[in-house]
Structures are given as C-alpha cells and as structure tokens.
Amino acid sequence: MSRYLTLSALAVLFLFPLVWSGYASLEEPSNYLEMARFGEGIDTYAVNSVLVSVMTVGGTLVVSALGGYGFARFDFPGKNVLFLATLAILMVPYATILIPLYVLLGYLGLQNSLVGLSLVFVMFQLPFALFMMRNAFEALPRELEEAALVDGCGTFRAFARILLHAVRPALITVGLFAFLASWNDFFAPLILLNDGSSFTLPVAVVSMTQHTFGAIDYGMLQAGVMVMALPCLVLFIVLQRHYVRGFMSGALRG
C-alpha cells in the first residue's frame, strides 16, 4: 500500500507543473490567438522546430548506429582512444564552443541555417548516442550475425536487416533523447540563428512573452510552454516501453 501511495505522490508532484501551466494558459484564451499571430506565425516556428528535430534525430541515429556497430564489432588501431575522445565532448562546457561553431558555420556557408543548427545538435548528441549503441551491439550474441553471414548476407546487409532490428529499443532511446534536446534547446538557436523567420519555438516563445521594460506576459508564456511540452509528452508516453528497454540493454550494461 505504501508503494502505491509513494508512486501516487510522485505522479502528482511531477504532473502539477504541467497541469498548472495548462490552467494558467487557458485563463485568457486570447493568449493562444496572440501567440499564433506573433511575428512570422507560430506555425512557421513550429515547422522550423520540427525540421531541426527531424534532421537531428536522423543524423544522430545514422552516425551512432554505424559508429556503435563499428566500435562493438571491429578492431582497429586507436579504437579505444577514438571512443574516449568522442566521450570527452561531454566534458566541454556547451556554451563555450558555440561562438567558435558560429564562426565555423560561417566558413561552411551554414550560418543562420537550420541544417547548421542540426549539425551542432548531432555533434552534442554523439557521445551519449555512441555509448548507448556500442553497448547495445555488444550485448547481442555474435552467433546472430554469424548465422546471417552463413545464410549469404553481407556484413552491411546483416547489419541493416537483422542487427538494427535487434537493437531497436536502443535506437528509440537515442532518437527520443535527440528529439528532446533539439526540440527544447534555447541557447544554441539563440546564438546560431539571427533571422526571425528561422527561429525555433523556444526562441520564439521567449521573444513573444517579453514586452516593454522587460515585462513578461506569463499567460502567453504558459501557452507557449504547453505547445512545446505536448509533443514531448505524447512521444514519451507512446515510446515509454521501448525507452526503458533501451536503457536496460544499453546504458546499464556499460
């Protein structure tokens, strides 16, 4: 009985901020109308966020799946050093390299670009994603891959048709983390994007809630929070089972 009471109390504790934000945003229904008409329109900012998130998730999954498979299955000179160097990105303070990245994106012609922003997000997701995918592939028995090779599959075909399916929970976990990071990030878009039509939702929401002399429209702010939170909440609920299995098969093994 005490277990259910504890779980119920934790559920109320975590759900209260979301319920409070929803209630505050609906006290004045005009908040949503004003938000929809702000600047380029909330639909433009939402589309920008979706594009950045899709590119980030896709890039992270492709690179981490191939890299994790390589680190788990192949031996090559400097493998451990390269893996540790990739993990070392986690030790670099996020904010300290955004300006150098902004300059680098300028040289590449990707400044003020959603593609450039997505590449930055992919870079910061790689340490965690590679760690997860390497452990997930290492957890698979080599006999699974060997049986596919005996049946006539090449290495890449066995990887694409069999091994990727076997590590699907880890892929979903990596993809979910990449989506949440790119969808909710405020600082990188603020620094790397300077055209209002390219803003993502977090930057747009902060911009639309600030008025004269720094006054903040909290009703509109809560409306923006709800618009940003609902996709994350839905995805987490739908993918929760795979998310937990991904951690069990990947991160906990490490």
C-alpha atoms as a PDB file:
ATOM      1  CA  MET A   1       0.000   0.000   0.000  1.00  0.00           C
ATOM      2  CA  SER A   2       2.792   2.427   0.910  1.00  0.00           C
ATOM      3  CA  ARG A   3       4.352   1.774  -2.501  1.00  0.00           C
ATOM      4  CA  TYR A   4       1.226   2.952  -4.328  1.00  0.00           C
ATOM      5  CA  LEU A   5       0.926   5.987  -2.075  1.00  0.00           C
ATOM      6  CA  THR A   6       4.530   6.922  -2.810  1.00  0.00           C
ATOM      7  CA  LEU A   7       4.061   6.467  -6.564  1.00  0.00           C
ATOM      8  CA  SER A   8       0.822   8.489  -6.473  1.00  0.00           C
ATOM      9  CA  ALA A   9       2.544  11.307  -4.575  1.00  0.00           C
ATOM     10  CA  LEU A  10       5.403  11.349  -7.102  1.00  0.00           C
ATOM     11  CA  ALA A  11       2.913  11.381 -10.004  1.00  0.00           C
ATOM     12  CA  VAL A  12       1.115  14.384  -8.508  1.00  0.00           C
ATOM     13  CA  LEU A  13       4.439  16.118  -7.866  1.00  0.00           C
ATOM     14  CA  PHE A  14       5.600  15.726 -11.464  1.00  0.00           C
ATOM     15  CA  LEU A  15       2.232  16.414 -13.110  1.00  0.00           C
ATOM     16  CA  PHE A  16       1.397  19.515 -11.083  1.00  0.00           C
ATOM     17  CA  PRO A  17       3.625  21.949 -13.063  1.00  0.00           C
ATOM     18  CA  LEU A  18       2.142  20.758 -16.352  1.00  0.00           C
ATOM     19  CA  VAL A  19      -1.445  20.999 -15.090  1.00  0.00           C
ATOM     20  CA  TRP A  20      -0.754  24.428 -13.593  1.00  0.00           C
ATOM     21  CA  SER A  21       0.749  25.657 -16.880  1.00  0.00           C
ATOM     22  CA  GLY A  22      -2.277  24.394 -18.810  1.00  0.00           C
ATOM     23  CA  TYR A  23      -4.676  26.103 -16.408  1.00  0.00           C
ATOM     24  CA  ALA A  24      -2.726  29.383 -16.481  1.00  0.00           C
ATOM     25  CA  SER A  25      -2.611  29.362 -20.283  1.00  0.00           C
ATOM     26  CA  LEU A  26      -6.404  28.921 -20.503  1.00  0.00           C
ATOM     27  CA  GLU A  27      -7.309  31.708 -18.062  1.00  0.00           C
ATOM     28  CA  GLU A  28      -7.198  34.035 -21.062  1.00  0.00           C
ATOM     29  CA  PRO A  29      -7.964  32.092 -24.280  1.00  0.00           C
ATOM     30  CA  SER A  30      -6.671  35.068 -26.261  1.00  0.00           C
ATOM     31  CA  ASN A  31      -3.135  34.010 -25.278  1.00  0.00           C
ATOM     32  CA  TYR A  32      -3.189  31.296 -27.924  1.00  0.00           C
ATOM     33  CA  LEU A  33      -4.567  33.676 -30.561  1.00  0.00           C
ATOM     34  CA  GLU A  34      -1.897  36.288 -29.842  1.00  0.00           C
ATOM     35  CA  MET A  35       0.782  33.604 -29.900  1.00  0.00           C
ATOM     36  CA  ALA A  36      -0.460  32.318 -33.261  1.00  0.00           C
ATOM     37  CA  ARG A  37      -0.201  35.814 -34.796  1.00  0.00           C
ATOM     38  CA  PHE A  38       3.190  36.726 -33.349  1.00  0.00           C
ATOM     39  CA  GLY A  39       5.993  37.525 -35.805  1.00  0.00           C
ATOM     40  CA  GLU A  40       6.110  35.011 -38.643  1.00  0.00           C
ATOM     41  CA  GLY A  41       3.317  32.984 -37.069  1.00  0.00           C
ATOM     42  CA  ILE A  42       3.546  30.110 -34.604  1.00  0.00           C
ATOM     43  CA  ASP A  43       3.196  27.634 -37.471  1.00  0.00           C
ATOM     44  CA  THR A  44       6.473  28.879 -39.008  1.00  0.00           C
ATOM     45  CA  TYR A  45       8.350  28.448 -35.733  1.00  0.00           C
ATOM     46  CA  ALA A  46       6.772  25.037 -35.184  1.00  0.00           C
ATOM     47  CA  VAL A  47       7.808  23.888 -38.660  1.00  0.00           C
ATOM     48  CA  ASN A  48      11.356  25.129 -38.016  1.00  0.00           C
ATOM     49  CA  SER A  49      11.486  23.152 -34.779  1.00  0.00           C
ATOM     50  CA  VAL A  50      10.119  20.038 -36.479  1.00  0.00           C
ATOM     51  CA  LEU A  51      12.683  20.296 -39.299  1.00  0.00           C
ATOM     52  CA  VAL A  52      15.570  20.760 -36.867  1.00  0.00           C
ATOM     53  CA  SER A  53      14.360  17.873 -34.703  1.00  0.00           C
ATOM     54  CA  VAL A  54      13.883  15.521 -37.662  1.00  0.00           C
ATOM     55  CA  MET A  55      17.339  16.311 -39.069  1.00  0.00           C
ATOM     56  CA  THR A  56      18.915  15.957 -35.621  1.00  0.00           C
ATOM     57  CA  VAL A  57      17.231  12.628 -34.902  1.00  0.00           C
ATOM     58  CA  GLY A  58      18.019  11.270 -38.370  1.00  0.00           C
ATOM     59  CA  GLY A  59      21.662  12.358 -38.284  1.00  0.00           C
ATOM     60  CA  THR A  60      22.179  11.096 -34.738  1.00  0.00           C
ATOM     61  CA  LEU A  61      20.642   7.688 -35.487  1.00  0.00           C
ATOM     62  CA  VAL A  62      22.639   7.144 -38.684  1.00  0.00           C
ATOM     63  CA  VAL A  63      26.011   8.179 -37.245  1.00  0.00           C
ATOM     64  CA  SER A  64      25.556   6.498 -33.847  1.00  0.00           C
ATOM     65  CA  ALA A  65      24.254   3.235 -35.331  1.00  0.00           C
ATOM     66  CA  LEU A  66      27.140   2.927 -37.781  1.00  0.00           C
ATOM     67  CA  GLY A  67      29.692   4.142 -35.242  1.00  0.00           C
ATOM     68  CA  GLY A  68      28.349   1.980 -32.425  1.00  0.00           C
ATOM     69  CA  TYR A  69      28.420  -1.085 -34.674  1.00  0.00           C
ATOM     70  CA  GLY A  70      31.983  -0.313 -35.714  1.00  0.00           C
ATOM     71  CA  PHE A  71      33.188   0.153 -32.136  1.00  0.00           C
ATOM     72  CA  ALA A  72      31.400  -3.012 -30.988  1.00  0.00           C
ATOM     73  CA  ARG A  73      32.324  -5.412 -33.782  1.00  0.00           C
ATOM     74  CA  PHE A  74      35.614  -4.308 -35.374  1.00  0.00           C
ATOM     75  CA  ASP A  75      39.132  -3.964 -34.052  1.00  0.00           C
ATOM     76  CA  PHE A  76      41.279  -1.180 -35.481  1.00  0.00           C
ATOM     77  CA  PRO A  77      44.253   0.845 -34.248  1.00  0.00           C
ATOM     78  CA  GLY A  78      43.299   3.550 -31.790  1.00  0.00           C
ATOM     79  CA  LYS A  79      39.724   2.311 -31.337  1.00  0.00           C
ATOM     80  CA  ASN A  80      39.575   2.917 -27.587  1.00  0.00           C
ATOM     81  CA  VAL A  81      41.355   6.260 -27.876  1.00  0.00           C
ATOM     82  CA  LEU A  82      38.893   7.432 -30.529  1.00  0.00           C
ATOM     83  CA  PHE A  83      35.932   6.284 -28.444  1.00  0.00           C
ATOM     84  CA  LEU A  84      37.224   8.084 -25.360  1.00  0.00           C
ATOM     85  CA  ALA A  85      37.902  11.199 -27.438  1.00  0.00           C
ATOM     86  CA  THR A  86      34.269  11.143 -28.565  1.00  0.00           C
ATOM     87  CA  LEU A  87      33.053  10.793 -24.979  1.00  0.00           C
ATOM     88  CA  ALA A  88      35.340  13.685 -23.998  1.00  0.00           C
ATOM     89  CA  ILE A  89      32.953  16.049 -25.803  1.00  0.00           C
ATOM     90  CA  LEU A  90      30.759  15.704 -22.713  1.00  0.00           C
ATOM     91  CA  MET A  91      33.441  17.418 -20.634  1.00  0.00           C
ATOM     92  CA  VAL A  92      33.457  20.533 -22.820  1.00  0.00           C
ATOM     93  CA  PRO A  93      31.063  23.210 -21.488  1.00  0.00           C
ATOM     94  CA  TYR A  94      28.272  23.570 -24.010  1.00  0.00           C
ATOM     95  CA  ALA A  95      28.220  27.365 -24.076  1.00  0.00           C
ATOM     96  CA  THR A  96      31.971  27.828 -24.524  1.00  0.00           C
ATOM     97  CA  ILE A  97      32.158  26.461 -28.070  1.00  0.00           C
ATOM     98  CA  LEU A  98      29.011  27.944 -29.587  1.00  0.00           C
ATOM     99  CA  ILE A  99      30.816  31.092 -30.752  1.00  0.00           C
ATOM    100  CA  PRO A 100      33.641  29.107 -32.436  1.00  0.00           C
ATOM    101  CA  LEU A 101      30.976  26.900 -34.013  1.00  0.00           C
ATOM    102  CA  TYR A 102      29.153  30.018 -35.234  1.00  0.00           C
ATOM    103  CA  VAL A 103      32.362  31.169 -36.959  1.00  0.00           C
ATOM    104  CA  LEU A 104      32.962  27.695 -38.403  1.00  0.00           C
ATOM    105  CA  LEU A 105      29.412  27.504 -39.773  1.00  0.00           C
ATOM    106  CA  GLY A 106      30.056  30.860 -41.460  1.00  0.00           C
ATOM    107  CA  TYR A 107      33.048  29.400 -43.317  1.00  0.00           C
ATOM    108  CA  LEU A 108      30.901  26.429 -44.366  1.00  0.00           C
ATOM    109  CA  GLY A 109      28.046  28.635 -45.591  1.00  0.00           C
ATOM    110  CA  LEU A 110      25.705  27.227 -42.928  1.00  0.00           C
ATOM    111  CA  GLN A 111      25.399  30.290 -40.700  1.00  0.00           C
ATOM    112  CA  ASN A 112      21.795  31.163 -39.794  1.00  0.00           C
ATOM    113  CA  SER A 113      20.799  27.781 -41.226  1.00  0.00           C
ATOM    114  CA  LEU A 114      18.552  25.078 -39.779  1.00  0.00           C
ATOM    115  CA  VAL A 115      20.899  22.497 -41.295  1.00  0.00           C
ATOM    116  CA  GLY A 116      23.879  24.033 -39.485  1.00  0.00           C
ATOM    117  CA  LEU A 117      21.945  24.121 -36.213  1.00  0.00           C
ATOM    118  CA  SER A 118      21.014  20.448 -36.674  1.00  0.00           C
ATOM    119  CA  LEU A 119      24.666  19.502 -37.246  1.00  0.00           C
ATOM    120  CA  VAL A 120      25.591  21.202 -33.962  1.00  0.00           C
ATOM    121  CA  PHE A 121      22.881  19.257 -32.134  1.00  0.00           C
ATOM    122  CA  VAL A 122      24.054  15.993 -33.718  1.00  0.00           C
ATOM    123  CA  MET A 123      27.608  16.674 -32.549  1.00  0.00           C
ATOM    124  CA  PHE A 124      26.497  17.178 -28.954  1.00  0.00           C
ATOM    125  CA  GLN A 125      24.286  14.060 -29.028  1.00  0.00           C
ATOM    126  CA  LEU A 126      27.024  11.765 -30.381  1.00  0.00           C
ATOM    127  CA  PRO A 127      28.829  10.907 -27.102  1.00  0.00           C
ATOM    128  CA  PHE A 128      25.700   9.591 -25.385  1.00  0.00           C
ATOM    129  CA  ALA A 129      24.344   8.041 -28.593  1.00  0.00           C
ATOM    130  CA  LEU A 130      27.595   6.221 -29.434  1.00  0.00           C
ATOM    131  CA  PHE A 131      27.876   4.960 -25.869  1.00  0.00           C
ATOM    132  CA  MET A 132      24.333   3.579 -25.995  1.00  0.00           C
ATOM    133  CA  MET A 133      24.668   1.996 -29.418  1.00  0.00           C
ATOM    134  CA  ARG A 134      28.066   0.423 -28.760  1.00  0.00           C
ATOM    135  CA  ASN A 135      26.753  -1.230 -25.605  1.00  0.00           C
ATOM    136  CA  ALA A 136      23.571  -2.344 -27.375  1.00  0.00           C
ATOM    137  CA  PHE A 137      25.523  -4.020 -30.185  1.00  0.00           C
ATOM    138  CA  GLU A 138      27.974  -5.595 -27.725  1.00  0.00           C
ATOM    139  CA  ALA A 139      25.013  -7.105 -25.855  1.00  0.00           C
ATOM    140  CA  LEU A 140      23.967  -9.038 -28.992  1.00  0.00           C
ATOM    141  CA  PRO A 141      25.418 -12.548 -29.384  1.00  0.00           C
ATOM    142  CA  ARG A 142      27.870 -12.786 -32.249  1.00  0.00           C
ATOM    143  CA  GLU A 143      26.115 -16.003 -33.320  1.00  0.00           C
ATOM    144  CA  LEU A 144      23.211 -13.868 -34.568  1.00  0.00           C
ATOM    145  CA  GLU A 145      25.464 -12.060 -37.002  1.00  0.00           C
ATOM    146  CA  GLU A 146      27.409 -15.197 -37.933  1.00  0.00           C
ATOM    147  CA  ALA A 147      24.195 -17.052 -38.793  1.00  0.00           C
ATOM    148  CA  ALA A 148      23.203 -14.224 -41.128  1.00  0.00           C
ATOM    149  CA  LEU A 149      26.607 -14.328 -42.829  1.00  0.00           C
ATOM    150  CA  VAL A 150      26.333 -18.092 -43.293  1.00  0.00           C
ATOM    151  CA  ASP A 151      22.919 -17.600 -44.918  1.00  0.00           C
ATOM    152  CA  GLY A 152      24.531 -15.381 -47.539  1.00  0.00           C
ATOM    153  CA  CYS A 153      24.084 -11.904 -46.063  1.00  0.00           C
ATOM    154  CA  GLY A 154      26.974  -9.476 -46.405  1.00  0.00           C
ATOM    155  CA  THR A 155      28.175  -7.523 -43.389  1.00  0.00           C
ATOM    156  CA  PHE A 156      26.148  -4.423 -44.212  1.00  0.00           C
ATOM    157  CA  ARG A 157      23.042  -6.426 -45.113  1.00  0.00           C
ATOM    158  CA  ALA A 158      23.216  -8.329 -41.822  1.00  0.00           C
ATOM    159  CA  PHE A 159      23.643  -5.002 -40.022  1.00  0.00           C
ATOM    160  CA  ALA A 160      20.722  -3.334 -41.784  1.00  0.00           C
ATOM    161  CA  ARG A 161      18.226  -6.219 -41.783  1.00  0.00           C
ATOM    162  CA  ILE A 162      18.949  -8.083 -38.562  1.00  0.00           C
ATOM    163  CA  LEU A 163      21.128  -6.236 -36.077  1.00  0.00           C
ATOM    164  CA  LEU A 164      19.331  -2.889 -36.342  1.00  0.00           C
ATOM    165  CA  HIS A 165      16.029  -4.626 -35.610  1.00  0.00           C
ATOM    166  CA  ALA A 166      17.596  -6.329 -32.595  1.00  0.00           C
ATOM    167  CA  VAL A 167      18.773  -3.004 -31.103  1.00  0.00           C
ATOM    168  CA  ARG A 168      15.550  -1.136 -31.850  1.00  0.00           C
ATOM    169  CA  PRO A 169      14.924  -0.182 -28.181  1.00  0.00           C
ATOM    170  CA  ALA A 170      18.337   1.483 -28.020  1.00  0.00           C
ATOM    171  CA  LEU A 171      17.669   3.280 -31.308  1.00  0.00           C
ATOM    172  CA  ILE A 172      14.359   4.582 -29.960  1.00  0.00           C
ATOM    173  CA  THR A 173      16.044   5.756 -26.757  1.00  0.00           C
ATOM    174  CA  VAL A 174      18.763   7.585 -28.688  1.00  0.00           C
ATOM    175  CA  GLY A 175      16.198   9.107 -31.045  1.00  0.00           C
ATOM    176  CA  LEU A 176      13.989  10.250 -28.176  1.00  0.00           C
ATOM    177  CA  PHE A 177      16.906  11.938 -26.398  1.00  0.00           C
ATOM    178  CA  ALA A 178      17.976  13.621 -29.638  1.00  0.00           C
ATOM    179  CA  PHE A 179      14.436  14.879 -30.230  1.00  0.00           C
ATOM    180  CA  LEU A 180      14.025  16.264 -26.710  1.00  0.00           C
ATOM    181  CA  ALA A 181      17.410  18.006 -26.839  1.00  0.00           C
ATOM    182  CA  SER A 182      16.824  19.656 -30.226  1.00  0.00           C
ATOM    183  CA  TRP A 183      13.150  20.490 -29.627  1.00  0.00           C
ATOM    184  CA  ASN A 184      13.691  22.186 -26.264  1.00  0.00           C
ATOM    185  CA  ASP A 185      17.103  23.808 -26.690  1.00  0.00           C
ATOM    186  CA  PHE A 186      17.079  27.588 -26.414  1.00  0.00           C
ATOM    187  CA  PHE A 187      20.696  28.716 -26.214  1.00  0.00           C
ATOM    188  CA  ALA A 188      22.093  27.241 -29.455  1.00  0.00           C
ATOM    189  CA  PRO A 189      19.294  28.616 -31.696  1.00  0.00           C
ATOM    190  CA  LEU A 190      19.611  31.978 -29.955  1.00  0.00           C
ATOM    191  CA  ILE A 191      23.315  32.179 -30.830  1.00  0.00           C
ATOM    192  CA  LEU A 192      23.373  30.443 -34.223  1.00  0.00           C
ATOM    193  CA  LEU A 193      20.198  31.917 -35.773  1.00  0.00           C
ATOM    194  CA  ASN A 194      19.752  35.640 -36.406  1.00  0.00           C
ATOM    195  CA  ASP A 195      16.808  35.703 -38.827  1.00  0.00           C
ATOM    196  CA  GLY A 196      13.393  35.816 -37.175  1.00  0.00           C
ATOM    197  CA  SER A 197      11.900  33.570 -39.846  1.00  0.00           C
ATOM    198  CA  SER A 198      14.375  30.819 -38.865  1.00  0.00           C
ATOM    199  CA  PHE A 199      13.685  30.877 -35.125  1.00  0.00           C
ATOM    200  CA  THR A 200      12.649  27.685 -33.394  1.00  0.00           C
ATOM    201  CA  LEU A 201       9.841  27.515 -30.844  1.00  0.00           C
ATOM    202  CA  PRO A 202      11.901  28.129 -27.667  1.00  0.00           C
ATOM    203  CA  VAL A 203      13.414  31.352 -29.039  1.00  0.00           C
ATOM    204  CA  ALA A 204      10.068  32.485 -30.443  1.00  0.00           C
ATOM    205  CA  VAL A 205       8.239  31.837 -27.169  1.00  0.00           C
ATOM    206  CA  VAL A 206      10.771  33.879 -25.172  1.00  0.00           C
ATOM    207  CA  SER A 207      10.600  36.693 -27.737  1.00  0.00           C
ATOM    208  CA  MET A 208       6.814  36.871 -27.781  1.00  0.00           C
ATOM    209  CA  THR A 209       6.454  36.978 -23.985  1.00  0.00           C
ATOM    210  CA  GLN A 210       8.814  39.919 -23.389  1.00  0.00           C
ATOM    211  CA  HIS A 211       7.232  43.375 -23.564  1.00  0.00           C
ATOM    212  CA  THR A 212       8.156  46.952 -22.744  1.00  0.00           C
ATOM    213  CA  PHE A 213      10.721  47.434 -19.949  1.00  0.00           C
ATOM    214  CA  GLY A 214      11.247  43.671 -19.657  1.00  0.00           C
ATOM    215  CA  ALA A 215       7.681  42.904 -18.580  1.00  0.00           C
ATOM    216  CA  ILE A 216       6.746  39.269 -19.139  1.00  0.00           C
ATOM    217  CA  ASP A 217       3.339  38.062 -20.305  1.00  0.00           C
ATOM    218  CA  TYR A 218       3.077  34.946 -18.151  1.00  0.00           C
ATOM    219  CA  GLY A 219      -0.200  33.829 -19.688  1.00  0.00           C
ATOM    220  CA  MET A 220       1.319  33.726 -23.171  1.00  0.00           C
ATOM    221  CA  LEU A 221       4.451  32.139 -21.735  1.00  0.00           C
ATOM    222  CA  GLN A 222       2.396  29.285 -20.276  1.00  0.00           C
ATOM    223  CA  ALA A 223       0.604  28.876 -23.605  1.00  0.00           C
ATOM    224  CA  GLY A 224       3.982  28.541 -25.308  1.00  0.00           C
ATOM    225  CA  VAL A 225       5.109  26.031 -22.685  1.00  0.00           C
ATOM    226  CA  MET A 226       2.054  23.881 -23.413  1.00  0.00           C
ATOM    227  CA  VAL A 227       2.638  23.995 -27.170  1.00  0.00           C
ATOM    228  CA  MET A 228       6.241  22.899 -26.643  1.00  0.00           C
ATOM    229  CA  ALA A 229       5.523  20.286 -23.967  1.00  0.00           C
ATOM    230  CA  LEU A 230       2.682  18.340 -25.596  1.00  0.00           C
ATOM    231  CA  PRO A 231       4.730  16.700 -28.410  1.00  0.00           C
ATOM    232  CA  CYS A 232       7.391  15.642 -25.882  1.00  0.00           C
ATOM    233  CA  LEU A 233       4.757  14.232 -23.544  1.00  0.00           C
ATOM    234  CA  VAL A 234       2.983  12.290 -26.291  1.00  0.00           C
ATOM    235  CA  LEU A 235       6.227  10.839 -27.651  1.00  0.00           C
ATOM    236  CA  PHE A 236       7.410   9.798 -24.218  1.00  0.00           C
ATOM    237  CA  ILE A 237       4.120   8.054 -23.395  1.00  0.00           C
ATOM    238  CA  VAL A 238       3.986   6.245 -26.743  1.00  0.00           C
ATOM    239  CA  LEU A 239       7.644   5.151 -26.645  1.00  0.00           C
ATOM    240  CA  GLN A 240       7.983   4.586 -22.896  1.00  0.00           C
ATOM    241  CA  ARG A 241       8.214   0.782 -23.099  1.00  0.00           C
ATOM    242  CA  HIS A 242      10.967   0.904 -25.729  1.00  0.00           C
ATOM    243  CA  TYR A 243      12.723   3.712 -23.867  1.00  0.00           C
ATOM    244  CA  VAL A 244      13.026   1.642 -20.685  1.00  0.00           C
ATOM    245  CA  ARG A 245      14.165  -1.447 -22.610  1.00  0.00           C
ATOM    246  CA  GLY A 246      16.746   0.657 -24.429  1.00  0.00           C
ATOM    247  CA  PHE A 247      18.300   1.774 -21.158  1.00  0.00           C
ATOM    248  CA  MET A 248      18.274  -1.772 -19.831  1.00  0.00           C
ATOM    249  CA  SER A 249      20.017  -3.162 -22.912  1.00  0.00           C
ATOM    250  CA  GLY A 250      22.383  -0.233 -23.475  1.00  0.00           C
ATOM    251  CA  ALA A 251      23.342   2.158 -20.736  1.00  0.00           C
ATOM    252  CA  LEU A 252      23.065  -0.206 -17.775  1.00  0.00           C
ATOM    253  CA  ARG A 253      25.351  -2.722 -19.440  1.00  0.00           C
ATOM    254  CA  GLY A 254      28.080  -0.075 -19.611  1.00  0.00           C
END
